[in-house]
PDB file of N, CA and C in Angstrom:
ATOM      1  N   MET A   1     115.755  51.825  97.088  1.00  0.00           N
ATOM      2  CA  MET A   1     114.500  52.419  98.150  1.00  0.00           C
ATOM      3  C   MET A   1     114.582  54.317  97.571  1.00  0.00           C
ATOM      4  N   PRO A   2     112.968  54.445  96.741  1.00  0.00           N
ATOM      5  CA  PRO A   2     112.812  55.036  95.960  1.00  0.00           C
ATOM      6  C   PRO A   2     112.489  56.366  97.185  1.00  0.00           C
ATOM      7  N   GLN A   3     112.173  56.242  98.369  1.00  0.00           N
ATOM      8  CA  GLN A   3     111.856  57.237  99.090  1.00  0.00           C
ATOM      9  C   GLN A   3     112.719  58.460  99.260  1.00  0.00           C
ATOM     10  N   LEU A   4     114.238  57.622  98.968  1.00  0.00           N
ATOM     11  CA  LEU A   4     115.427  58.169  99.391  1.00  0.00           C
ATOM     12  C   LEU A   4     115.711  59.454  98.027  1.00  0.00           C
ATOM     13  N   ASN A   5     115.171  58.685  97.188  1.00  0.00           N
ATOM     14  CA  ASN A   5     115.507  59.915  95.845  1.00  0.00           C
ATOM     15  C   ASN A   5     114.824  61.528  95.980  1.00  0.00           C
ATOM     16  N   PRO A   6     115.147  62.557  96.375  1.00  0.00           N
ATOM     17  CA  PRO A   6     114.291  63.315  96.781  1.00  0.00           C
ATOM     18  C   PRO A   6     114.001  65.052  95.878  1.00  0.00           C
ATOM     19  N   ASP A   7     114.532  63.926  93.926  1.00  0.00           N
ATOM     20  CA  ASP A   7     113.826  64.344  92.509  1.00  0.00           C
ATOM     21  C   ASP A   7     112.549  65.075  92.846  1.00  0.00           C
ATOM     22  N   PRO A   8     111.579  63.715  93.318  1.00  0.00           N
ATOM     23  CA  PRO A   8     110.185  64.749  93.063  1.00  0.00           C
ATOM     24  C   PRO A   8     109.786  65.209  93.860  1.00  0.00           C
ATOM     25  N   TRP A   9     110.222  64.591  95.113  1.00  0.00           N
ATOM     26  CA  TRP A   9     109.186  65.289  95.675  1.00  0.00           C
ATOM     27  C   TRP A   9     109.585  66.692  96.393  1.00  0.00           C
ATOM     28  N   PHE A  10     110.959  67.052  96.116  1.00  0.00           N
ATOM     29  CA  PHE A  10     111.299  68.078  96.303  1.00  0.00           C
ATOM     30  C   PHE A  10     110.229  69.523  95.787  1.00  0.00           C
ATOM     31  N   MET A  11     110.788  69.196  94.255  1.00  0.00           N
ATOM     32  CA  MET A  11     109.299  69.892  93.309  1.00  0.00           C
ATOM     33  C   MET A  11     107.794  70.200  94.330  1.00  0.00           C
ATOM     34  N   ILE A  12     107.487  68.638  94.761  1.00  0.00           N
ATOM     35  CA  ILE A  12     106.306  69.004  94.809  1.00  0.00           C
ATOM     36  C   ILE A  12     106.297  69.988  96.046  1.00  0.00           C
ATOM     37  N   LEU A  13     107.081  69.417  97.463  1.00  0.00           N
ATOM     38  CA  LEU A  13     107.113  70.404  98.514  1.00  0.00           C
ATOM     39  C   LEU A  13     107.293  71.968  97.839  1.00  0.00           C
ATOM     40  N   ALA A  14     108.045  72.596  97.293  1.00  0.00           N
ATOM     41  CA  ALA A  14     108.892  73.737  96.523  1.00  0.00           C
ATOM     42  C   ALA A  14     107.245  74.197  96.680  1.00  0.00           C
ATOM     43  N   LEU A  15     106.488  73.632  95.171  1.00  0.00           N
ATOM     44  CA  LEU A  15     105.691  74.304  94.210  1.00  0.00           C
ATOM     45  C   LEU A  15     104.302  74.541  95.655  1.00  0.00           C
ATOM     46  N   SER A  16     104.045  73.451  95.918  1.00  0.00           N
ATOM     47  CA  SER A  16     103.290  73.743  97.582  1.00  0.00           C
ATOM     48  C   SER A  16     103.326  74.828  97.962  1.00  0.00           C
ATOM     49  N   TRP A  17     104.655  75.243  99.251  1.00  0.00           N
ATOM     50  CA  TRP A  17     104.696  76.313  99.519  1.00  0.00           C
ATOM     51  C   TRP A  17     104.897  77.545  99.034  1.00  0.00           C
ATOM     52  N   LEU A  18     104.916  77.617  97.196  1.00  0.00           N
ATOM     53  CA  LEU A  18     104.868  78.585  96.479  1.00  0.00           C
ATOM     54  C   LEU A  18     103.852  79.148  96.499  1.00  0.00           C
ATOM     55  N   ILE A  19     102.840  77.959  96.563  1.00  0.00           N
ATOM     56  CA  ILE A  19     101.237  78.564  95.950  1.00  0.00           C
ATOM     57  C   ILE A  19     100.123  78.893  97.503  1.00  0.00           C
ATOM     58  N   PHE A  20     101.257  78.099  98.355  1.00  0.00           N
ATOM     59  CA  PHE A  20     100.623  78.864 100.159  1.00  0.00           C
ATOM     60  C   PHE A  20     101.173  80.371  99.973  1.00  0.00           C
ATOM     61  N   LEU A  21     102.342  80.671  99.844  1.00  0.00           N
ATOM     62  CA  LEU A  21     102.830  81.947 100.557  1.00  0.00           C
ATOM     63  C   LEU A  21     102.562  82.603  98.906  1.00  0.00           C
ATOM     64  N   THR A  22     101.572  82.561  98.522  1.00  0.00           N
ATOM     65  CA  THR A  22     101.205  83.382  97.485  1.00  0.00           C
ATOM     66  C   THR A  22      99.859  83.957  97.669  1.00  0.00           C
ATOM     67  N   VAL A  23      99.054  82.213  97.617  1.00  0.00           N
ATOM     68  CA  VAL A  23      97.135  82.197  97.630  1.00  0.00           C
ATOM     69  C   VAL A  23      97.065  82.947  99.580  1.00  0.00           C
ATOM     70  N   LEU A  24      97.517  82.651 100.527  1.00  0.00           N
ATOM     71  CA  LEU A  24      97.233  82.515 101.196  1.00  0.00           C
ATOM     72  C   LEU A  24      97.134  83.589 101.570  1.00  0.00           C
ATOM     73  N   PRO A  25      98.129  84.338 102.125  1.00  0.00           N
ATOM     74  CA  PRO A  25      98.736  85.755 102.605  1.00  0.00           C
ATOM     75  C   PRO A  25      97.477  86.805 101.875  1.00  0.00           C
ATOM     76  N   ASN A  26      97.353  86.757 101.075  1.00  0.00           N
ATOM     77  CA  ASN A  26      95.387  87.593 100.217  1.00  0.00           C
ATOM     78  C   ASN A  26      95.213  87.231 100.898  1.00  0.00           C
ATOM     79  N   LYS A  27      94.041  86.250 101.572  1.00  0.00           N
ATOM     80  CA  LYS A  27      93.023  85.603 101.811  1.00  0.00           C
ATOM     81  C   LYS A  27      93.368  86.082 103.520  1.00  0.00           C
ATOM     82  N   VAL A  28      94.183  85.703 104.045  1.00  0.00           N
ATOM     83  CA  VAL A  28      93.994  86.588 105.112  1.00  0.00           C
ATOM     84  C   VAL A  28      93.560  88.145 105.428  1.00  0.00           C
ATOM     85  N   LEU A  29      94.492  88.180 104.696  1.00  0.00           N
ATOM     86  CA  LEU A  29      94.790  90.558 104.187  1.00  0.00           C
ATOM     87  C   LEU A  29      93.502  90.754 104.356  1.00  0.00           C
ATOM     88  N   ASN A  30      92.492  90.152 103.092  1.00  0.00           N
ATOM     89  CA  ASN A  30      91.150  90.448 102.919  1.00  0.00           C
ATOM     90  C   ASN A  30      90.369  90.408 104.081  1.00  0.00           C
ATOM     91  N   CYS A  31      90.413  89.650 105.011  1.00  0.00           N
ATOM     92  CA  CYS A  31      89.248  89.705 106.236  1.00  0.00           C
ATOM     93  C   CYS A  31      88.753  90.753 106.784  1.00  0.00           C
ATOM     94  N   THR A  32      87.659  90.601 106.842  1.00  0.00           N
ATOM     95  CA  THR A  32      87.050  91.761 107.550  1.00  0.00           C
ATOM     96  C   THR A  32      86.942  91.224 109.029  1.00  0.00           C
ATOM     97  N   PHE A  33      87.229  92.341 109.837  1.00  0.00           N
ATOM     98  CA  PHE A  33      86.936  91.873 111.122  1.00  0.00           C
ATOM     99  C   PHE A  33      85.325  92.396 111.810  1.00  0.00           C
ATOM    100  N   THR A  34      84.988  91.977 112.922  1.00  0.00           N
ATOM    101  CA  THR A  34      83.272  92.135 113.370  1.00  0.00           C
ATOM    102  C   THR A  34      83.426  93.412 113.498  1.00  0.00           C
ATOM    103  N   ASN A  35      84.999  93.375 114.735  1.00  0.00           N
ATOM    104  CA  ASN A  35      84.530  94.806 115.923  1.00  0.00           C
ATOM    105  C   ASN A  35      86.064  95.368 115.203  1.00  0.00           C
ATOM    106  N   GLU A  36      84.544  97.153 115.073  1.00  0.00           N
ATOM    107  CA  GLU A  36      85.928  98.132 114.165  1.00  0.00           C
ATOM    108  C   GLU A  36      86.177  98.866 116.184  1.00  0.00           C
ATOM    109  N   ILE A  37      87.805  98.880 115.659  1.00  0.00           N
ATOM    110  CA  ILE A  37      88.645  99.952 116.277  1.00  0.00           C
ATOM    111  C   ILE A  37      88.147 101.145 116.211  1.00  0.00           C
ATOM    112  N   THR A  38      87.514 102.019 117.722  1.00  0.00           N
ATOM    113  CA  THR A  38      87.051 103.049 117.864  1.00  0.00           C
ATOM    114  C   THR A  38      88.436 103.536 118.509  1.00  0.00           C
ATOM    115  N   ALA A  39      88.684 105.270 118.317  1.00  0.00           N
ATOM    116  CA  ALA A  39      89.529 105.520 118.898  1.00  0.00           C
ATOM    117  C   ALA A  39      89.293 106.035 120.346  1.00  0.00           C
ATOM    118  N   LEU A  40      90.100 105.754 121.393  1.00  0.00           N
ATOM    119  CA  LEU A  40      89.660 106.818 122.384  1.00  0.00           C
ATOM    120  C   LEU A  40      90.432 108.059 122.636  1.00  0.00           C
ATOM    121  N   SER A  41      89.692 108.787 123.853  1.00  0.00           N
ATOM    122  CA  SER A  41      89.739 110.121 123.927  1.00  0.00           C
ATOM    123  C   SER A  41      91.135 109.773 123.905  1.00  0.00           C
ATOM    124  N   THR A  42      91.861 111.450 124.137  1.00  0.00           N
ATOM    125  CA  THR A  42      93.108 111.947 124.678  1.00  0.00           C
ATOM    126  C   THR A  42      92.356 112.707 126.025  1.00  0.00           C
ATOM    127  N   LYS A  43      91.692 112.545 126.441  1.00  0.00           N
ATOM    128  CA  LYS A  43      91.043 113.193 127.713  1.00  0.00           C
ATOM    129  C   LYS A  43      91.466 112.566 128.813  1.00  0.00           C
ATOM    130  N   LYS A  44      92.133 112.932 129.978  1.00  0.00           N
ATOM    131  CA  LYS A  44      92.611 111.876 130.992  1.00  0.00           C
ATOM    132  C   LYS A  44      91.745 111.917 132.309  1.00  0.00           C
ATOM    133  N   PRO A  45      91.722 111.087 132.005  1.00  0.00           N
ATOM    134  CA  PRO A  45      90.225 110.873 133.661  1.00  0.00           C
ATOM    135  C   PRO A  45      90.410 111.372 134.314  1.00  0.00           C
ATOM    136  N   GLU A  46      89.984 111.919 135.329  1.00  0.00           N
ATOM    137  CA  GLU A  46      89.932 112.730 136.548  1.00  0.00           C
ATOM    138  C   GLU A  46      90.253 111.893 137.644  1.00  0.00           C
ATOM    139  N   SER A  47      90.930 112.180 138.628  1.00  0.00           N
ATOM    140  CA  SER A  47      91.162 110.986 139.525  1.00  0.00           C
ATOM    141  C   SER A  47      90.914 111.604 140.730  1.00  0.00           C
ATOM    142  N   ASN A  48      90.367 111.317 141.553  1.00  0.00           N
ATOM    143  CA  ASN A  48      89.917 111.954 143.104  1.00  0.00           C
ATOM    144  C   ASN A  48      91.233 111.365 144.153  1.00  0.00           C
ATOM    145  N   THR A  49      92.128 112.378 144.764  1.00  0.00           N
ATOM    146  CA  THR A  49      92.944 111.838 145.515  1.00  0.00           C
ATOM    147  C   THR A  49      92.238 111.379 146.891  1.00  0.00           C
ATOM    148  N   TRP A  50      93.153 109.998 147.675  1.00  0.00           N
ATOM    149  CA  TRP A  50      92.556 109.271 148.793  1.00  0.00           C
ATOM    150  C   TRP A  50      93.655 110.764 149.875  1.00  0.00           C
ATOM    151  N   ASN A  51      92.791 111.406 150.491  1.00  0.00           N
ATOM    152  CA  ASN A  51      93.320 112.050 151.900  1.00  0.00           C
ATOM    153  C   ASN A  51      92.693 111.190 153.076  1.00  0.00           C
ATOM    154  N   TRP A  52      93.706 109.888 153.248  1.00  0.00           N
ATOM    155  CA  TRP A  52      93.872 109.596 154.833  1.00  0.00           C
ATOM    156  C   TRP A  52      94.775 109.771 155.042  1.00  0.00           C
ATOM    157  N   PRO A  53      94.803 109.902 156.593  1.00  0.00           N
ATOM    158  CA  PRO A  53      95.651 110.208 157.752  1.00  0.00           C
ATOM    159  C   PRO A  53      96.582 108.663 157.258  1.00  0.00           C
ATOM    160  N   TRP A  54      98.188 108.699 157.421  1.00  0.00           N
ATOM    161  CA  TRP A  54      99.034 107.391 157.528  1.00  0.00           C
ATOM    162  C   TRP A  54      99.545 107.467 158.940  1.00  0.00           C
ATOM    163  N   HIS A  55      98.922 106.360 159.459  1.00  0.00           N
ATOM    164  CA  HIS A  55      99.420 106.452 160.901  1.00  0.00           C
ATOM    165  C   HIS A  55     100.000 105.261 161.093  1.00  0.00           C
TER     166      HIS A  55
END
């Protein structure tokens, strides 16, 4: 049964993963995002306190 011989299949698997791990991260990291991240202001918003009587 030639399927049980891991010699050629392991080399194909190892080389394909090597190609994926060297090519794909560069392609993914070079993607540009359409939504630019804007810095939020550090000023805290004013909050109105509720002066409700607690009955």
